[in-house]
Amino acid sequence: MIYLDNSATTQPYKDVAEAYMKVATRYFGNPSSLHSLGMQAENLLIEARNRIADLLEVEAQEIIFTSGGTEGNSLAIKGTAYARSTHGKHVITSQVEHPSVLESFRQLEREGFEVTYLPVTEEGRVEPDDVSRALRPDTILVSLIHVNNEVGTIQPIEEIGKRLAGHPKVYYHVDHVQGITKVPLNVKASNVDLCTCSAHKFHGMKGTGFLYVRKGLQLSPLFQGGQQEGRIRAGTENVAGVVAMAKALRMTVEQQEQKLAKLVQQNRQVRDVLHQIEGVYVNSPEIDSAAPHIINFSVPGIKPEVLVQSLSEKEIYVSTKSACSSKLSAPSQILTAMGFGEDRASAGIRISLSFETTEVEIAALNKELQTVIPELLEVVKREV
């Protein structure tokens, strides 16, 4: 099996899965309980929070545990909007965000908020000047993805953060789900107020994530209940998932320096082969300005699901667009926003690597691409 859909989810490290099982079976107490079993669970929660905060170079109290990226994005966006609606009802995002972000903003529009959807360049990048021009006296939030989940474009988060430093009433949220461990981001230095991360993107368990919330910020909870997570996120914490997440993040960060260069090399190898195949268009920006683990390409004329299934028959697993949208037949909103026509935007394929991807796997993928794509294009020609 050659798994190359790591932007959708990663395989948990063996040590991470074992840590999850150990905590889930041995330290299963409710961390809010006062007895010793509950206190043991609480101590594990505190330790995991401290480890994650240290890795991000933030304070422990600024880490709020969530169920993952979708909840983190929703909490950051709607939590800001509801808490600060008396200060203004104008919010800013881009046309190339993850569905969990776009749907949150669409809900806010239905509730009377005004949303500015910033355009992007042909590489899928937001221009910092466009952010500056969109700011108004009633703007309360700017929310942008760091690494685009479909094409790998890196947004100028640091530059935009500098622009927003002069607007202290505007909260700055960054969806860092695809970027964490692959594209470095210093949230403090970038003036980021809210930052979303999800464990299963860096070999942790599904159903766990965290939201960085800069100390002193006001957020409105999305649901009510107990006093967990600083009253921002009610509900019994997933202690086993959180401990596993802290371990996965540490293990992945420790590999960054050694393996990021390998990812870049593998990315180039795949691109080189794609450029040699007639009828293939690479949609991702040049590797020097994009995330090292994502390659998006189109073969107009071939339905993307057909190519995905053809590779699946060889036990090579890739995807179309975001996993949250992959079953929708509409053209990719990301590719459309980048200016590609419907034929190309409807045919996007995403290959996403991880630190676990091997040279042997890349060689096998490239061989199959050189065989499968021409065969499918020949079938299309015969049918026409």
Protein backbone atom coordinates (compact mmCIF):
# COMPACT_ATOMS: atom_id res chain seq x y z
CA MET A 1 0.00 0.00 0.00
CA ILE A 2 1.21 3.48 -0.94
CA TYR A 3 -0.72 6.08 1.03
CA LEU A 4 -0.47 9.58 -0.45
CA ASP A 5 -3.56 11.28 0.98
CA ASN A 6 -1.90 12.72 4.06
CA SER A 7 -3.63 16.09 3.74
CA ALA A 8 -6.89 14.27 4.42
CA THR A 9 -5.49 12.35 7.38
CA THR A 10 -2.23 10.75 8.47
CA GLN A 11 -1.63 7.30 9.88
CA PRO A 12 -1.07 7.55 13.65
CA TYR A 13 2.44 6.68 14.78
CA LYS A 14 2.59 3.32 16.52
CA ASP A 15 3.87 4.93 19.73
CA VAL A 16 1.04 7.46 19.58
CA ALA A 17 -1.63 4.78 19.22
CA GLU A 18 -0.10 2.87 22.12
CA ALA A 19 -0.06 6.01 24.28
CA TYR A 20 -3.73 6.57 23.45
CA MET A 21 -4.68 3.02 24.44
CA LYS A 22 -2.68 3.20 27.66
CA VAL A 23 -4.35 6.41 28.81
CA ALA A 24 -7.81 5.35 27.62
CA THR A 25 -7.68 2.09 29.56
CA ARG A 26 -5.57 2.96 32.61
CA TYR A 27 -6.24 6.66 33.24
CA PHE A 28 -9.87 6.81 32.14
CA GLY A 29 -11.09 9.05 34.95
CA ASN A 30 -12.88 12.32 34.29
CA PRO A 31 -10.29 15.10 34.75
CA SER A 32 -12.96 17.20 36.49
CA SER A 33 -13.53 14.55 39.18
CA LEU A 34 -12.04 15.15 42.63
CA HIS A 35 -10.95 11.57 43.36
CA SER A 36 -7.45 10.29 42.68
CA LEU A 37 -8.31 8.72 39.30
CA GLY A 38 -9.73 12.04 38.13
CA MET A 39 -6.68 13.88 39.44
CA GLN A 40 -4.39 11.53 37.52
CA ALA A 41 -6.29 12.32 34.34
CA GLU A 42 -6.13 16.03 35.09
CA ASN A 43 -2.36 15.86 35.60
CA LEU A 44 -1.96 14.16 32.22
CA LEU A 45 -4.06 16.92 30.66
CA ILE A 46 -1.93 19.61 32.27
CA GLU A 47 1.29 17.93 31.15
CA ALA A 48 0.05 17.59 27.56
CA ARG A 49 -1.04 21.23 27.48
CA ASN A 50 2.37 22.34 28.73
CA ARG A 51 4.18 20.24 26.12
CA ILE A 52 2.10 21.60 23.24
CA ALA A 53 2.52 25.17 24.50
CA ASP A 54 6.29 24.71 24.73
CA LEU A 55 6.44 23.39 21.16
CA LEU A 56 4.47 26.41 19.92
CA GLU A 57 6.36 28.81 22.18
CA VAL A 58 3.16 30.10 23.78
CA GLU A 59 1.66 29.98 27.27
CA ALA A 60 -0.17 26.85 28.45
CA GLN A 61 -3.33 28.79 29.27
CA GLU A 62 -3.50 29.89 25.62
CA ILE A 63 -4.11 26.31 24.42
CA ILE A 64 -7.78 25.27 24.24
CA PHE A 65 -8.43 21.62 23.41
CA THR A 66 -11.06 20.92 20.73
CA SER A 67 -12.31 18.00 18.66
CA GLY A 68 -10.27 19.06 15.62
CA GLY A 69 -9.92 21.59 12.82
CA THR A 70 -13.58 22.13 12.03
CA GLU A 71 -14.51 22.91 15.61
CA GLY A 72 -11.42 25.04 16.11
CA ASN A 73 -12.16 27.14 13.03
CA SER A 74 -15.83 27.50 13.95
CA LEU A 75 -14.99 28.47 17.53
CA ALA A 76 -12.44 31.06 16.42
CA ILE A 77 -14.68 32.63 13.78
CA LYS A 78 -18.14 32.49 15.31
CA GLY A 79 -16.80 32.86 18.83
CA THR A 80 -15.15 36.13 17.82
CA ALA A 81 -18.18 37.35 15.86
CA TYR A 82 -20.65 36.72 18.68
CA ALA A 83 -18.39 38.14 21.37
CA ARG A 84 -17.56 41.31 19.43
CA SER A 85 -20.73 42.01 17.47
CA THR A 86 -21.29 45.23 19.42
CA HIS A 87 -17.94 46.50 18.11
CA GLY A 88 -18.77 45.77 14.48
CA LYS A 89 -20.20 43.20 12.10
CA HIS A 90 -17.64 43.22 9.31
CA VAL A 91 -15.31 40.23 8.88
CA ILE A 92 -12.70 39.36 6.26
CA THR A 93 -11.59 36.05 4.76
CA SER A 94 -10.48 34.77 1.34
CA GLN A 95 -12.03 32.81 -1.50
CA VAL A 96 -9.69 29.83 -0.95
CA GLU A 97 -10.49 28.77 2.59
CA HIS A 98 -11.34 25.33 3.97
CA PRO A 99 -15.08 24.47 3.95
CA SER A 100 -15.24 24.71 7.75
CA VAL A 101 -14.18 28.36 7.46
CA LEU A 102 -16.33 29.29 4.46
CA GLU A 103 -19.44 27.67 5.95
CA SER A 104 -18.89 29.50 9.24
CA PHE A 105 -18.78 32.81 7.40
CA ARG A 106 -21.86 31.93 5.34
CA GLN A 107 -23.74 31.28 8.56
CA LEU A 108 -22.61 34.66 9.89
CA GLU A 109 -23.89 36.29 6.69
CA ARG A 110 -27.29 34.75 7.31
CA GLU A 111 -27.20 36.28 10.78
CA GLY A 112 -26.53 39.80 9.55
CA PHE A 113 -22.73 40.01 9.42
CA GLU A 114 -21.00 41.42 6.34
CA VAL A 115 -18.20 39.26 4.91
CA THR A 116 -15.48 40.38 2.50
CA TYR A 117 -14.11 37.43 0.49
CA LEU A 118 -10.69 38.49 -0.76
CA PRO A 119 -9.60 37.37 -4.26
CA VAL A 120 -6.31 35.56 -4.83
CA THR A 121 -3.57 35.58 -7.43
CA GLU A 122 -3.18 32.82 -10.03
CA GLU A 123 -1.02 31.05 -7.45
CA GLY A 124 -3.84 31.19 -4.90
CA ARG A 125 -2.18 33.83 -2.75
CA VAL A 126 -3.85 36.73 -0.93
CA GLU A 127 -2.22 40.10 -1.49
CA PRO A 128 -1.46 41.89 1.81
CA ASP A 129 -2.50 45.19 0.21
CA ASP A 130 -5.96 43.73 -0.41
CA VAL A 131 -6.27 42.95 3.29
CA SER A 132 -5.27 46.51 4.19
CA ARG A 133 -7.77 47.98 1.72
CA ALA A 134 -10.59 45.77 3.03
CA LEU A 135 -10.21 46.93 6.64
CA ARG A 136 -12.99 49.19 7.93
CA PRO A 137 -13.77 50.84 11.27
CA ASP A 138 -16.31 48.07 11.96
CA THR A 139 -13.97 45.16 11.03
CA ILE A 140 -13.59 42.71 13.93
CA LEU A 141 -11.89 39.67 12.36
CA VAL A 142 -9.52 38.59 9.60
CA SER A 143 -9.38 34.82 9.06
CA LEU A 144 -6.95 33.19 6.61
CA ILE A 145 -5.62 29.72 5.93
CA HIS A 146 -1.85 29.34 6.26
CA VAL A 147 -1.27 26.45 3.83
CA ASN A 148 -4.01 25.79 1.31
CA ASN A 149 -5.32 22.27 1.78
CA GLU A 150 -5.79 21.59 -1.94
CA VAL A 151 -2.84 23.19 -3.73
CA GLY A 152 -0.32 23.95 -0.97
CA THR A 153 -0.13 27.73 -1.45
CA ILE A 154 1.46 29.46 1.54
CA GLN A 155 -0.25 32.70 2.52
CA PRO A 156 1.86 35.69 3.66
CA ILE A 157 0.69 35.32 7.26
CA GLU A 158 3.62 37.22 8.78
CA GLU A 159 3.30 40.20 6.43
CA ILE A 160 -0.44 40.44 6.97
CA GLY A 161 0.13 40.18 10.71
CA LYS A 162 2.40 43.23 10.50
CA ARG A 163 -0.39 45.14 8.72
CA LEU A 164 -2.89 44.18 11.40
CA ALA A 165 -0.59 45.14 14.28
CA GLY A 166 -1.83 48.69 13.88
CA HIS A 167 -5.44 47.53 14.25
CA PRO A 168 -5.66 46.08 17.78
CA LYS A 169 -9.46 45.82 17.62
CA VAL A 170 -9.24 43.35 14.71
CA TYR A 171 -8.69 39.72 15.74
CA TYR A 172 -6.42 37.69 13.44
CA HIS A 173 -7.27 34.01 13.00
CA VAL A 174 -5.08 31.54 11.09
CA ASP A 175 -6.14 28.05 10.01
CA HIS A 176 -2.82 26.26 10.53
CA VAL A 177 -4.22 22.73 10.10
CA GLN A 178 -2.27 21.95 6.90
CA GLY A 179 0.80 23.95 7.82
CA ILE A 180 1.74 22.70 11.27
CA THR A 181 5.00 20.68 11.26
CA LYS A 182 5.37 21.23 7.47
CA VAL A 183 5.58 25.03 7.17
CA PRO A 184 6.87 26.84 10.28
CA LEU A 185 4.75 29.60 11.79
CA ASN A 186 5.60 31.62 14.89
CA VAL A 187 2.19 32.79 16.08
CA LYS A 188 3.59 35.39 18.46
CA ALA A 189 5.96 36.95 15.94
CA SER A 190 3.21 36.92 13.29
CA ASN A 191 0.76 38.78 15.55
CA VAL A 192 -1.71 35.89 15.31
CA ASP A 193 -4.52 35.98 17.87
CA LEU A 194 -6.19 32.64 17.12
CA CYS A 195 -4.66 29.57 15.50
CA THR A 196 -6.34 26.25 14.65
CA CYS A 197 -4.55 22.87 14.60
CA SER A 198 -5.73 19.26 14.29
CA ALA A 199 -3.96 16.14 15.58
CA HIS A 200 -4.74 13.75 12.74
CA LYS A 201 -2.78 15.93 10.29
CA PHE A 202 0.47 15.17 12.15
CA HIS A 203 0.04 11.47 12.97
CA GLY A 204 -2.18 11.93 16.03
CA MET A 205 -5.65 10.52 16.57
CA LYS A 206 -8.81 11.78 14.88
CA GLY A 207 -11.22 13.74 17.06
CA THR A 208 -8.61 15.88 18.81
CA GLY A 209 -7.17 19.30 18.13
CA PHE A 210 -6.43 22.61 19.75
CA LEU A 211 -7.06 26.29 19.29
CA TYR A 212 -4.44 28.82 20.32
CA VAL A 213 -6.22 31.81 21.87
CA ARG A 214 -4.00 34.75 22.73
CA LYS A 215 -4.26 35.65 26.39
CA GLY A 216 -6.81 38.39 27.02
CA LEU A 217 -8.99 37.70 23.98
CA GLN A 218 -12.74 37.46 24.37
CA LEU A 219 -14.55 34.54 22.71
CA SER A 220 -18.16 33.45 22.98
CA PRO A 221 -18.51 29.65 23.52
CA LEU A 222 -20.35 27.73 20.83
CA PHE A 223 -22.11 25.57 23.40
CA GLN A 224 -22.75 25.75 27.10
CA GLY A 225 -21.97 23.29 29.84
CA GLY A 226 -19.19 22.90 32.38
CA GLN A 227 -16.20 25.09 33.13
CA GLN A 228 -13.65 23.12 31.10
CA GLU A 229 -11.03 24.83 28.90
CA GLY A 230 -11.32 28.22 30.54
CA ARG A 231 -15.11 28.24 29.98
CA ILE A 232 -14.46 28.54 26.23
CA ARG A 233 -15.06 24.90 25.29
CA ALA A 234 -17.42 23.02 27.62
CA GLY A 235 -17.38 19.22 27.77
CA THR A 236 -15.26 16.47 29.25
CA GLU A 237 -11.82 16.58 27.68
CA ASN A 238 -10.58 13.70 25.54
CA VAL A 239 -7.58 12.98 27.76
CA ALA A 240 -6.31 9.99 25.79
CA GLY A 241 -6.57 11.90 22.53
CA VAL A 242 -4.88 14.97 23.98
CA VAL A 243 -1.96 12.98 25.40
CA ALA A 244 -1.56 11.19 22.06
CA MET A 245 -1.72 14.55 20.26
CA ALA A 246 1.06 16.03 22.39
CA LYS A 247 3.22 12.97 21.71
CA ALA A 248 2.52 13.06 17.96
CA LEU A 249 3.36 16.75 17.76
CA ARG A 250 6.64 16.27 19.62
CA MET A 251 7.64 13.29 17.48
CA THR A 252 6.84 15.12 14.24
CA VAL A 253 8.53 18.37 15.23
CA GLU A 254 11.68 16.43 16.12
CA GLN A 255 11.84 15.18 12.52
CA GLN A 256 11.31 18.55 10.83
CA GLU A 257 14.89 19.59 10.28
CA GLN A 258 15.90 16.20 8.94
CA LYS A 259 12.88 15.36 6.78
CA LEU A 260 11.56 18.61 5.33
CA ALA A 261 14.36 18.62 2.75
CA LYS A 262 13.38 15.07 1.80
CA LEU A 263 9.79 16.18 1.24
CA VAL A 264 10.93 18.95 -1.07
CA GLN A 265 13.02 16.49 -3.08
CA GLN A 266 10.13 14.03 -3.39
CA ASN A 267 7.78 16.83 -4.40
CA ARG A 268 10.18 17.85 -7.18
CA GLN A 269 10.44 14.26 -8.40
CA VAL A 270 6.67 13.97 -8.76
CA ARG A 271 6.39 17.35 -10.47
CA ASP A 272 9.16 16.46 -12.92
CA VAL A 273 7.25 13.37 -14.00
CA LEU A 274 3.92 15.20 -14.25
CA HIS A 275 5.50 17.86 -16.47
CA GLN A 276 6.66 15.11 -18.85
CA ILE A 277 3.18 13.60 -19.32
CA GLU A 278 1.18 15.11 -22.18
CA GLY A 279 -2.19 16.53 -21.11
CA VAL A 280 -1.21 17.12 -17.46
CA TYR A 281 -1.29 20.55 -15.82
CA VAL A 282 0.30 21.17 -12.42
CA ASN A 283 -1.91 23.51 -10.40
CA SER A 284 0.22 23.99 -7.29
CA PRO A 285 2.57 27.00 -7.22
CA GLU A 286 6.28 26.44 -7.71
CA ILE A 287 7.74 24.41 -4.86
CA ASP A 288 9.85 27.37 -3.69
CA SER A 289 6.66 29.20 -2.70
CA ALA A 290 4.42 26.30 -1.70
CA ALA A 291 4.17 23.68 1.02
CA PRO A 292 6.50 20.72 0.41
CA HIS A 293 3.93 17.99 0.95
CA ILE A 294 1.16 18.89 -1.53
CA ILE A 295 1.09 18.51 -5.33
CA ASN A 296 -2.15 19.31 -7.17
CA PHE A 297 -2.57 18.59 -10.87
CA SER A 298 -5.31 18.23 -13.45
CA VAL A 299 -5.81 16.06 -16.51
CA PRO A 300 -8.70 17.70 -18.38
CA GLY A 301 -10.84 15.08 -20.05
CA ILE A 302 -10.32 12.48 -17.33
CA LYS A 303 -12.79 12.46 -14.47
CA PRO A 304 -10.74 12.77 -11.29
CA GLU A 305 -12.60 9.94 -9.58
CA VAL A 306 -11.65 7.63 -12.46
CA LEU A 307 -7.96 8.42 -12.03
CA VAL A 308 -8.23 8.07 -8.24
CA GLN A 309 -9.85 4.64 -8.61
CA SER A 310 -7.34 3.54 -11.25
CA LEU A 311 -4.50 4.28 -8.85
CA SER A 312 -6.44 2.66 -6.00
CA GLU A 313 -6.49 -0.58 -7.97
CA LYS A 314 -2.68 -0.44 -7.73
CA GLU A 315 -2.99 0.28 -3.97
CA ILE A 316 -1.85 3.86 -4.48
CA TYR A 317 -4.14 6.24 -2.61
CA VAL A 318 -4.51 9.91 -3.60
CA SER A 319 -7.53 12.23 -3.53
CA THR A 320 -9.36 14.93 -5.44
CA LYS A 321 -9.99 18.07 -3.40
CA SER A 322 -10.45 18.62 0.33
CA ALA A 323 -11.66 15.45 2.02
CA CYS A 324 -14.59 17.51 3.34
CA SER A 325 -15.63 18.25 -0.27
CA SER A 326 -14.25 15.29 -2.24
CA LYS A 327 -17.66 13.67 -2.81
CA LEU A 328 -19.08 16.83 -4.38
CA SER A 329 -19.04 16.88 -8.19
CA ALA A 330 -18.74 20.67 -8.55
CA PRO A 331 -15.46 22.18 -9.76
CA SER A 332 -12.92 22.96 -7.07
CA GLN A 333 -13.65 26.35 -5.54
CA ILE A 334 -9.92 26.79 -4.92
CA LEU A 335 -8.90 26.16 -8.53
CA THR A 336 -11.75 28.33 -9.78
CA ALA A 337 -10.66 31.21 -7.55
CA MET A 338 -7.12 30.82 -8.97
CA GLY A 339 -8.55 31.54 -12.43
CA PHE A 340 -8.54 28.06 -13.94
CA GLY A 341 -11.33 27.11 -16.35
CA GLU A 342 -14.02 24.58 -15.53
CA ASP A 343 -12.28 21.69 -17.34
CA ARG A 344 -9.15 22.11 -15.23
CA ALA A 345 -10.96 23.05 -12.01
CA SER A 346 -13.17 19.96 -12.30
CA ALA A 347 -10.24 17.58 -12.79
CA GLY A 348 -7.98 18.37 -9.83
CA ILE A 349 -6.03 15.55 -8.18
CA ARG A 350 -4.15 16.02 -4.91
CA ILE A 351 -1.08 14.03 -3.93
CA SER A 352 -0.04 14.69 -0.33
CA LEU A 353 3.12 13.31 1.24
CA SER A 354 4.27 12.84 4.82
CA PHE A 355 7.56 12.37 6.64
CA GLU A 356 6.84 8.63 6.37
CA THR A 357 6.72 8.63 2.54
CA THR A 358 9.65 6.69 1.07
CA GLU A 359 11.69 7.02 -2.11
CA VAL A 360 10.47 3.58 -3.21
CA GLU A 361 6.86 4.76 -2.91
CA ILE A 362 7.55 7.90 -4.95
CA ALA A 363 9.23 5.82 -7.66
CA ALA A 364 6.23 3.47 -7.80
CA LEU A 365 3.81 6.40 -7.97
CA ASN A 366 5.72 8.04 -10.81
CA LYS A 367 5.83 4.80 -12.77
CA GLU A 368 2.08 4.33 -12.46
CA LEU A 369 1.32 7.95 -13.38
CA GLN A 370 3.35 7.54 -16.57
CA THR A 371 1.30 4.45 -17.42
CA VAL A 372 -2.21 5.15 -16.17
CA ILE A 373 -2.71 8.72 -17.40
CA PRO A 374 -1.80 8.05 -21.08
CA GLU A 375 -4.00 4.91 -21.01
CA LEU A 376 -7.00 6.85 -19.68
CA LEU A 377 -6.47 9.67 -22.17
CA GLU A 378 -6.37 7.12 -24.99
CA VAL A 379 -9.70 5.69 -23.81
CA VAL A 380 -11.18 9.19 -23.85
CA LYS A 381 -9.95 9.79 -27.41
CA ARG A 382 -11.49 6.52 -28.62
CA GLU A 383 -14.84 7.37 -27.04
CA VAL A 384 -14.87 10.75 -28.75
